[in-house]
N, C-alpha and C. Protein backbone atom coordinates (compact mmCIF):
# COMPACT_ATOMS: atom_id res chain seq x y z
N UNK A 1 -13.66 21.81 28.67
CA UNK A 1 -13.97 21.95 27.25
C UNK A 1 -12.72 21.75 26.41
N UNK A 2 -11.62 22.31 26.89
CA UNK A 2 -10.37 22.20 26.15
C UNK A 2 -9.92 20.74 26.05
N UNK A 3 -10.11 19.98 27.12
CA UNK A 3 -9.73 18.56 27.12
C UNK A 3 -10.60 17.78 26.13
N UNK A 4 -11.89 18.13 26.07
CA UNK A 4 -12.80 17.47 25.14
C UNK A 4 -12.38 17.71 23.69
N UNK A 5 -12.04 18.92 23.36
CA UNK A 5 -11.62 19.26 22.00
C UNK A 5 -10.31 18.54 21.67
N UNK A 6 -9.39 18.51 22.60
CA UNK A 6 -8.12 17.81 22.37
C UNK A 6 -8.35 16.31 22.17
N UNK A 7 -9.20 15.73 22.97
CA UNK A 7 -9.52 14.31 22.85
C UNK A 7 -10.18 14.02 21.50
N UNK A 8 -11.11 14.85 21.11
CA UNK A 8 -11.79 14.68 19.83
C UNK A 8 -10.79 14.78 18.67
N UNK A 9 -9.91 15.75 18.74
CA UNK A 9 -8.89 15.92 17.70
C UNK A 9 -7.99 14.69 17.62
N UNK A 10 -7.56 14.19 18.75
CA UNK A 10 -6.67 13.01 18.77
C UNK A 10 -7.39 11.80 18.19
N UNK A 11 -8.65 11.61 18.54
CA UNK A 11 -9.41 10.48 18.00
C UNK A 11 -9.56 10.58 16.49
N UNK A 12 -9.85 11.75 15.98
CA UNK A 12 -9.97 11.93 14.54
C UNK A 12 -8.63 11.70 13.84
N UNK A 13 -7.57 12.18 14.44
CA UNK A 13 -6.23 12.01 13.88
C UNK A 13 -5.84 10.54 13.82
N UNK A 14 -6.08 9.81 14.89
CA UNK A 14 -5.72 8.39 14.95
C UNK A 14 -6.54 7.59 13.94
N UNK A 15 -7.81 7.87 13.84
CA UNK A 15 -8.64 7.11 12.88
C UNK A 15 -8.23 7.42 11.45
N UNK A 16 -7.85 8.64 11.17
CA UNK A 16 -7.38 9.00 9.83
C UNK A 16 -6.06 8.32 9.51
N UNK A 17 -5.18 8.24 10.49
CA UNK A 17 -3.88 7.60 10.27
C UNK A 17 -4.04 6.10 10.02
N UNK A 18 -4.95 5.46 10.72
CA UNK A 18 -5.13 4.02 10.53
C UNK A 18 -5.68 3.74 9.14
N UNK A 19 -6.57 4.59 8.66
CA UNK A 19 -7.11 4.40 7.32
C UNK A 19 -6.02 4.63 6.28
N UNK A 20 -5.18 5.61 6.51
CA UNK A 20 -4.09 5.88 5.59
C UNK A 20 -3.11 4.72 5.58
N UNK A 21 -2.80 4.19 6.75
CA UNK A 21 -1.86 3.07 6.84
C UNK A 21 -2.41 1.85 6.10
N UNK A 22 -3.69 1.58 6.22
CA UNK A 22 -4.30 0.46 5.50
C UNK A 22 -4.19 0.67 4.00
N UNK A 23 -4.40 1.89 3.57
CA UNK A 23 -4.27 2.21 2.15
C UNK A 23 -2.85 2.03 1.65
N UNK A 24 -1.88 2.43 2.45
CA UNK A 24 -0.47 2.26 2.08
C UNK A 24 -0.14 0.78 1.96
N UNK A 25 -0.60 -0.01 2.91
CA UNK A 25 -0.34 -1.45 2.87
C UNK A 25 -0.96 -2.07 1.62
N UNK A 26 -2.18 -1.70 1.30
CA UNK A 26 -2.85 -2.26 0.12
C UNK A 26 -2.15 -1.84 -1.16
N UNK A 27 -1.75 -0.57 -1.26
CA UNK A 27 -1.04 -0.10 -2.44
C UNK A 27 0.29 -0.82 -2.61
N UNK A 28 0.99 -1.04 -1.50
CA UNK A 28 2.27 -1.74 -1.56
C UNK A 28 2.07 -3.18 -2.02
N UNK A 29 1.06 -3.84 -1.49
CA UNK A 29 0.77 -5.22 -1.90
C UNK A 29 0.45 -5.28 -3.39
N UNK A 30 -0.36 -4.35 -3.87
CA UNK A 30 -0.70 -4.31 -5.29
C UNK A 30 0.53 -4.06 -6.15
N UNK A 31 1.41 -3.17 -5.71
CA UNK A 31 2.61 -2.86 -6.47
C UNK A 31 3.55 -4.05 -6.52
N UNK A 32 3.67 -4.77 -5.43
CA UNK A 32 4.54 -5.96 -5.40
C UNK A 32 4.00 -7.02 -6.36
N UNK A 33 2.70 -7.24 -6.33
CA UNK A 33 2.11 -8.24 -7.23
C UNK A 33 2.28 -7.84 -8.69
N UNK A 34 2.11 -6.57 -9.01
CA UNK A 34 2.27 -6.10 -10.38
C UNK A 34 3.72 -6.27 -10.83
N UNK A 35 4.66 -5.94 -9.94
CA UNK A 35 6.07 -6.06 -10.27
C UNK A 35 6.45 -7.51 -10.51
N UNK A 36 5.95 -8.41 -9.67
CA UNK A 36 6.23 -9.84 -9.86
C UNK A 36 5.73 -10.30 -11.23
N UNK A 37 4.54 -9.85 -11.60
CA UNK A 37 3.98 -10.23 -12.89
C UNK A 37 4.83 -9.71 -14.04
N UNK A 38 5.28 -8.48 -13.95
CA UNK A 38 6.10 -7.89 -15.01
C UNK A 38 7.45 -8.60 -15.12
N UNK A 39 8.07 -8.93 -14.00
CA UNK A 39 9.34 -9.64 -14.02
C UNK A 39 9.15 -11.02 -14.61
N UNK A 40 8.06 -11.68 -14.25
CA UNK A 40 7.78 -13.01 -14.78
C UNK A 40 7.56 -12.96 -16.29
N UNK A 41 6.84 -11.96 -16.76
CA UNK A 41 6.64 -11.81 -18.21
C UNK A 41 7.96 -11.57 -18.93
N UNK A 42 8.80 -10.74 -18.36
CA UNK A 42 10.10 -10.46 -18.96
C UNK A 42 10.98 -11.70 -19.00
N UNK A 43 10.96 -12.46 -17.93
CA UNK A 43 11.76 -13.69 -17.89
C UNK A 43 11.26 -14.69 -18.92
N UNK A 44 9.95 -14.81 -19.06
CA UNK A 44 9.39 -15.72 -20.07
C UNK A 44 9.73 -15.27 -21.48
N UNK A 45 9.71 -13.98 -21.71
CA UNK A 45 10.06 -13.43 -23.04
C UNK A 45 11.51 -13.77 -23.38
N UNK A 46 12.41 -13.55 -22.42
CA UNK A 46 13.83 -13.84 -22.65
C UNK A 46 14.02 -15.34 -22.87
N UNK A 47 13.33 -16.13 -22.08
CA UNK A 47 13.43 -17.60 -22.22
C UNK A 47 12.97 -18.03 -23.62
N UNK A 48 11.86 -17.49 -24.09
CA UNK A 48 11.36 -17.84 -25.42
C UNK A 48 12.33 -17.41 -26.51
N UNK A 49 12.96 -16.26 -26.37
CA UNK A 49 13.87 -15.75 -27.39
C UNK A 49 15.21 -16.49 -27.40
N UNK A 50 15.60 -17.07 -26.28
CA UNK A 50 16.89 -17.75 -26.22
C UNK A 50 16.78 -19.23 -26.52
N UNK A 51 15.58 -19.75 -26.63
CA UNK A 51 15.44 -21.18 -26.95
C UNK A 51 15.39 -21.40 -28.44
């Protein structure tokens, strides 16, 4: 019984970690894309003001 409970706990822990890791990857990708957009907007603003 003890082995079953330990196995169940490990399976739940691993599945939770994989979902969390996917969420972290997606959040990081979204943040990188947002940052690229903001940098691009800033560069275009500076370019327009210096021309």
